Amino acid sequence: MLDRIALIILVIGGINWGSIGLFQFDIVSWIFGGQGAVLSRIIYTLVALSAIWCISLMFRENELVEEIHHED
């Protein structure tokens, strides 16, 4: 469950970075009142923590696939 939450937050962060790169428009800072606003900084921190968490996904065995094969 934590993996899915981290991936969702990371996708939101990616969309925000895409809007910055393509349109020079920061959605998070627009919604929460600027880059220095507390809520914006919390969102940026959550995206960063999610990215760090998702690094672990690259080094894990594919547990779900292994569980499915063992059930057959």
Protein backbone atom coordinates (compact mmCIF):
# COMPACT_ATOMS: atom_id res chain seq x y z
CA MET A 1 0.00 0.00 0.00
CA LEU A 2 2.83 2.39 0.84
CA ASP A 3 4.37 1.66 -2.56
CA ARG A 4 1.18 2.74 -4.33
CA ILE A 5 0.86 5.93 -2.28
CA ALA A 6 4.48 6.82 -3.02
CA LEU A 7 3.95 6.17 -6.74
CA ILE A 8 0.81 8.33 -6.82
CA ILE A 9 2.61 11.20 -5.09
CA LEU A 10 5.54 10.77 -7.46
CA VAL A 11 3.24 10.93 -10.50
CA ILE A 12 1.70 14.15 -9.15
CA GLY A 13 5.21 15.55 -8.70
CA GLY A 14 6.14 14.50 -12.22
CA ILE A 15 3.11 16.25 -13.65
CA ASN A 16 4.06 19.38 -11.72
CA TRP A 17 7.65 19.24 -13.04
CA GLY A 18 6.30 18.70 -16.54
CA SER A 19 4.16 21.82 -16.25
CA ILE A 20 7.21 23.75 -15.04
CA GLY A 21 9.32 22.49 -17.93
CA LEU A 22 6.73 22.97 -20.65
CA PHE A 23 4.83 26.04 -19.49
CA GLN A 24 7.01 27.58 -16.75
CA PHE A 25 4.00 27.14 -14.46
CA ASP A 26 4.33 25.58 -11.00
CA ILE A 27 0.92 24.07 -10.20
CA VAL A 28 1.76 23.36 -6.55
CA SER A 29 2.90 26.90 -5.81
CA TRP A 30 -0.10 28.29 -7.69
CA ILE A 31 -2.54 26.23 -5.62
CA PHE A 32 -0.85 26.69 -2.24
CA GLY A 33 0.36 30.30 -2.44
CA GLY A 34 3.93 30.31 -3.72
CA GLN A 35 7.02 28.16 -3.45
CA GLY A 36 7.84 29.43 0.03
CA ALA A 37 4.40 28.68 1.46
CA VAL A 38 4.31 26.02 4.14
CA LEU A 39 1.85 23.80 2.25
CA SER A 40 3.91 24.00 -0.94
CA ARG A 41 7.04 23.02 0.95
CA ILE A 42 5.20 20.08 2.53
CA ILE A 43 4.07 18.87 -0.92
CA TYR A 44 7.61 19.24 -2.33
CA THR A 45 8.98 17.31 0.65
CA LEU A 46 6.40 14.52 0.22
CA VAL A 47 7.34 14.22 -3.46
CA ALA A 48 11.02 13.99 -2.54
CA LEU A 49 10.37 11.37 0.14
CA SER A 50 8.22 9.40 -2.30
CA ALA A 51 11.03 9.46 -4.86
CA ILE A 52 13.48 8.19 -2.26
CA TRP A 53 11.04 5.44 -1.26
CA CYS A 54 10.53 4.44 -4.91
CA ILE A 55 14.28 3.93 -5.34
CA SER A 56 13.79 0.81 -3.23
CA LEU A 57 11.36 -0.55 -5.85
CA MET A 58 14.24 -0.90 -8.31
CA PHE A 59 16.14 -3.22 -5.98
CA ARG A 60 13.30 -5.45 -4.82
CA GLU A 61 12.41 -8.82 -6.20
CA ASN A 62 9.09 -8.91 -7.99
CA GLU A 63 7.24 -10.31 -4.97
CA LEU A 64 3.76 -10.19 -6.50
CA VAL A 65 4.74 -12.22 -9.55
CA GLU A 66 6.49 -14.80 -7.36
CA GLU A 67 3.39 -15.12 -5.13
CA ILE A 68 1.13 -15.70 -8.15
CA HIS A 69 3.44 -18.42 -9.53
CA HIS A 70 3.52 -20.20 -6.15
CA GLU A 71 -0.27 -20.28 -5.95
CA ASP A 72 -0.64 -22.13 -9.29
